[in-house]
Amino acid sequence: MIKKLETSEKNILEYEVSDEITKAEDDMILREVKQVIEEYGKVNLLVRLVNIPKVELAAINNRFDFAKQYMDSIDKYAVVTDSSVISVVEKAVDAFTDLEFKTFSFEEEDVARSWIR
């Protein structure tokens, strides 16, 4: 499930992700991100991962296609989670892209929010 947070504003989008992500939810989020990029040129993202969600295979393909096309338009990406798996993702993103990607604990969510602004 993906829920847009009320703290989203202008070119800053914030979401909470838990359980399973369907292709329909993924399509909705990617449309929102694309609309913000078209309006502002860049987008900053904050994703609160309550747990590592299961993702439908079709949604994964959507994400890769989207990333290839719009990666340069994502300025900062903050992930708020207590999962250590995401720190591995952070290292991979740092090694292969110029994207500013950081992980924060749940206790640091306000710091993450400040960082993307």
C-alpha atoms as a PDB file:
ATOM      1  CA  MET A   1       0.000   0.000   0.000  1.00  0.00           C
ATOM      2  CA  ILE A   2       1.213   3.498  -0.837  1.00  0.00           C
ATOM      3  CA  LYS A   3      -0.145   6.578   0.904  1.00  0.00           C
ATOM      4  CA  LYS A   4       0.776  10.144  -0.060  1.00  0.00           C
ATOM      5  CA  LEU A   5       1.684  12.165   3.024  1.00  0.00           C
ATOM      6  CA  GLU A   6       0.146  15.563   3.731  1.00  0.00           C
ATOM      7  CA  THR A   7       3.628  17.057   4.078  1.00  0.00           C
ATOM      8  CA  SER A   8       4.032  16.860   0.281  1.00  0.00           C
ATOM      9  CA  GLU A   9       4.250  20.300  -1.329  1.00  0.00           C
ATOM     10  CA  LYS A  10       5.281  21.791  -4.679  1.00  0.00           C
ATOM     11  CA  ASN A  11       8.216  19.705  -5.993  1.00  0.00           C
ATOM     12  CA  ILE A  12       8.500  17.647  -2.791  1.00  0.00           C
ATOM     13  CA  LEU A  13       6.590  14.375  -2.691  1.00  0.00           C
ATOM     14  CA  GLU A  14       6.360  12.241   0.444  1.00  0.00           C
ATOM     15  CA  TYR A  15       4.885   8.758   0.708  1.00  0.00           C
ATOM     16  CA  GLU A  16       4.448   5.959   3.211  1.00  0.00           C
ATOM     17  CA  VAL A  17       4.890   2.466   1.795  1.00  0.00           C
ATOM     18  CA  SER A  18       3.885  -0.763   3.506  1.00  0.00           C
ATOM     19  CA  ASP A  19       2.739  -4.268   2.671  1.00  0.00           C
ATOM     20  CA  GLU A  20       2.326  -4.951  -1.058  1.00  0.00           C
ATOM     21  CA  ILE A  21       2.692  -2.428  -3.881  1.00  0.00           C
ATOM     22  CA  THR A  22       0.404  -3.133  -6.812  1.00  0.00           C
ATOM     23  CA  LYS A  23       1.072  -2.089 -10.389  1.00  0.00           C
ATOM     24  CA  ALA A  24      -1.944   0.263 -10.194  1.00  0.00           C
ATOM     25  CA  GLU A  25      -0.482   2.018  -7.123  1.00  0.00           C
ATOM     26  CA  ASP A  26       2.917   2.184  -8.761  1.00  0.00           C
ATOM     27  CA  ASP A  27       1.411   3.688 -11.931  1.00  0.00           C
ATOM     28  CA  MET A  28      -0.364   6.343  -9.842  1.00  0.00           C
ATOM     29  CA  ILE A  29       2.838   7.334  -8.008  1.00  0.00           C
ATOM     30  CA  LEU A  30       4.932   7.440 -11.168  1.00  0.00           C
ATOM     31  CA  ARG A  31       2.303   9.668 -12.819  1.00  0.00           C
ATOM     32  CA  GLU A  32       2.434  12.053  -9.842  1.00  0.00           C
ATOM     33  CA  VAL A  33       6.237  12.167  -9.922  1.00  0.00           C
ATOM     34  CA  LYS A  34       6.227  12.756 -13.686  1.00  0.00           C
ATOM     35  CA  GLN A  35       3.684  15.600 -13.322  1.00  0.00           C
ATOM     36  CA  VAL A  36       5.859  17.300 -10.687  1.00  0.00           C
ATOM     37  CA  ILE A  37       8.953  16.922 -12.894  1.00  0.00           C
ATOM     38  CA  GLU A  38       7.078  18.434 -15.838  1.00  0.00           C
ATOM     39  CA  GLU A  39       5.907  21.366 -13.696  1.00  0.00           C
ATOM     40  CA  TYR A  40       9.087  22.090 -11.678  1.00  0.00           C
ATOM     41  CA  GLY A  41      11.894  20.409 -13.637  1.00  0.00           C
ATOM     42  CA  LYS A  42      13.094  18.476 -10.556  1.00  0.00           C
ATOM     43  CA  VAL A  43      11.515  16.498  -7.743  1.00  0.00           C
ATOM     44  CA  ASN A  44      12.635  15.614  -4.212  1.00  0.00           C
ATOM     45  CA  LEU A  45      11.253  12.440  -2.663  1.00  0.00           C
ATOM     46  CA  LEU A  46      10.822  11.122   0.849  1.00  0.00           C
ATOM     47  CA  VAL A  47       9.606   7.554   1.295  1.00  0.00           C
ATOM     48  CA  ARG A  48       8.756   6.160   4.719  1.00  0.00           C
ATOM     49  CA  LEU A  49       9.147   2.365   4.517  1.00  0.00           C
ATOM     50  CA  VAL A  50       7.178   0.806   7.336  1.00  0.00           C
ATOM     51  CA  ASN A  51       8.460  -2.565   6.200  1.00  0.00           C
ATOM     52  CA  ILE A  52      10.086  -3.823   3.026  1.00  0.00           C
ATOM     53  CA  PRO A  53       7.053  -4.185   0.777  1.00  0.00           C
ATOM     54  CA  LYS A  54       6.344  -6.929  -1.715  1.00  0.00           C
ATOM     55  CA  VAL A  55       6.209  -5.503  -5.220  1.00  0.00           C
ATOM     56  CA  GLU A  56       4.352  -6.957  -8.195  1.00  0.00           C
ATOM     57  CA  LEU A  57       6.740  -7.864 -11.020  1.00  0.00           C
ATOM     58  CA  ALA A  58       4.992  -5.489 -13.432  1.00  0.00           C
ATOM     59  CA  ALA A  59       5.572  -2.634 -10.968  1.00  0.00           C
ATOM     60  CA  ILE A  60       9.304  -3.416 -10.871  1.00  0.00           C
ATOM     61  CA  ASN A  61       9.492  -3.159 -14.650  1.00  0.00           C
ATOM     62  CA  ASN A  62       7.634   0.175 -14.453  1.00  0.00           C
ATOM     63  CA  ARG A  63      10.199   1.496 -11.970  1.00  0.00           C
ATOM     64  CA  PHE A  64      13.188   0.555 -14.134  1.00  0.00           C
ATOM     65  CA  ASP A  65      11.657   2.137 -17.241  1.00  0.00           C
ATOM     66  CA  PHE A  66      10.792   5.273 -15.261  1.00  0.00           C
ATOM     67  CA  ALA A  67      14.258   5.476 -13.701  1.00  0.00           C
ATOM     68  CA  LYS A  68      15.961   5.286 -17.090  1.00  0.00           C
ATOM     69  CA  GLN A  69      13.882   8.165 -18.377  1.00  0.00           C
ATOM     70  CA  TYR A  70      13.650  10.450 -15.307  1.00  0.00           C
ATOM     71  CA  MET A  71      16.617   9.674 -12.996  1.00  0.00           C
ATOM     72  CA  ASP A  72      18.299  12.995 -13.794  1.00  0.00           C
ATOM     73  CA  SER A  73      15.149  14.853 -12.694  1.00  0.00           C
ATOM     74  CA  ILE A  74      15.196  13.431  -9.163  1.00  0.00           C
ATOM     75  CA  ASP A  75      17.312  15.782  -7.061  1.00  0.00           C
ATOM     76  CA  LYS A  76      17.164  14.191  -3.588  1.00  0.00           C
ATOM     77  CA  TYR A  77      15.688  10.907  -2.403  1.00  0.00           C
ATOM     78  CA  ALA A  78      15.314  10.219   1.321  1.00  0.00           C
ATOM     79  CA  VAL A  79      14.230   6.833   2.655  1.00  0.00           C
ATOM     80  CA  VAL A  80      13.051   6.656   6.257  1.00  0.00           C
ATOM     81  CA  THR A  81      13.271   3.122   7.594  1.00  0.00           C
ATOM     82  CA  ASP A  82      14.831   0.902  10.200  1.00  0.00           C
ATOM     83  CA  SER A  83      15.705  -1.744   7.605  1.00  0.00           C
ATOM     84  CA  SER A  84      19.421  -2.309   7.095  1.00  0.00           C
ATOM     85  CA  VAL A  85      18.739  -3.620   3.571  1.00  0.00           C
ATOM     86  CA  ILE A  86      18.181  -0.082   2.305  1.00  0.00           C
ATOM     87  CA  SER A  87      21.706   0.968   3.303  1.00  0.00           C
ATOM     88  CA  VAL A  88      22.963  -1.563   0.715  1.00  0.00           C
ATOM     89  CA  VAL A  89      20.741   0.118  -1.869  1.00  0.00           C
ATOM     90  CA  GLU A  90      22.173   3.492  -0.831  1.00  0.00           C
ATOM     91  CA  LYS A  91      25.721   2.266  -1.530  1.00  0.00           C
ATOM     92  CA  ALA A  92      24.690   0.937  -4.946  1.00  0.00           C
ATOM     93  CA  VAL A  93      22.933   4.190  -5.864  1.00  0.00           C
ATOM     94  CA  ASP A  94      26.017   6.173  -4.790  1.00  0.00           C
ATOM     95  CA  ALA A  95      28.264   3.964  -6.909  1.00  0.00           C
ATOM     96  CA  PHE A  96      26.218   4.115 -10.108  1.00  0.00           C
ATOM     97  CA  THR A  97      24.342   7.442 -10.165  1.00  0.00           C
ATOM     98  CA  ASP A  98      24.673  11.107  -9.262  1.00  0.00           C
ATOM     99  CA  LEU A  99      21.400  10.960  -7.325  1.00  0.00           C
ATOM    100  CA  GLU A 100      21.579  12.276  -3.761  1.00  0.00           C
ATOM    101  CA  PHE A 101      20.140   9.296  -1.872  1.00  0.00           C
ATOM    102  CA  LYS A 102      20.186   9.021   1.918  1.00  0.00           C
ATOM    103  CA  THR A 103      18.645   6.728   4.480  1.00  0.00           C
ATOM    104  CA  PHE A 104      17.315   7.912   7.820  1.00  0.00           C
ATOM    105  CA  SER A 105      15.887   6.098  10.844  1.00  0.00           C
ATOM    106  CA  PHE A 106      12.292   6.696  11.914  1.00  0.00           C
ATOM    107  CA  GLU A 107      13.607   8.903  14.722  1.00  0.00           C
ATOM    108  CA  GLU A 108      15.360  11.057  12.081  1.00  0.00           C
ATOM    109  CA  GLU A 109      12.308  11.633   9.886  1.00  0.00           C
ATOM    110  CA  ASP A 110      12.302  15.380  10.618  1.00  0.00           C
ATOM    111  CA  VAL A 111      15.974  15.523   9.627  1.00  0.00           C
ATOM    112  CA  ALA A 112      15.135  13.694   6.372  1.00  0.00           C
ATOM    113  CA  ARG A 113      12.293  16.110   5.708  1.00  0.00           C
ATOM    114  CA  SER A 114      14.613  19.091   6.237  1.00  0.00           C
ATOM    115  CA  TRP A 115      17.282  17.531   4.013  1.00  0.00           C
ATOM    116  CA  ILE A 116      14.972  17.242   0.977  1.00  0.00           C
ATOM    117  CA  ARG A 117      13.815  20.855   1.294  1.00  0.00           C
END
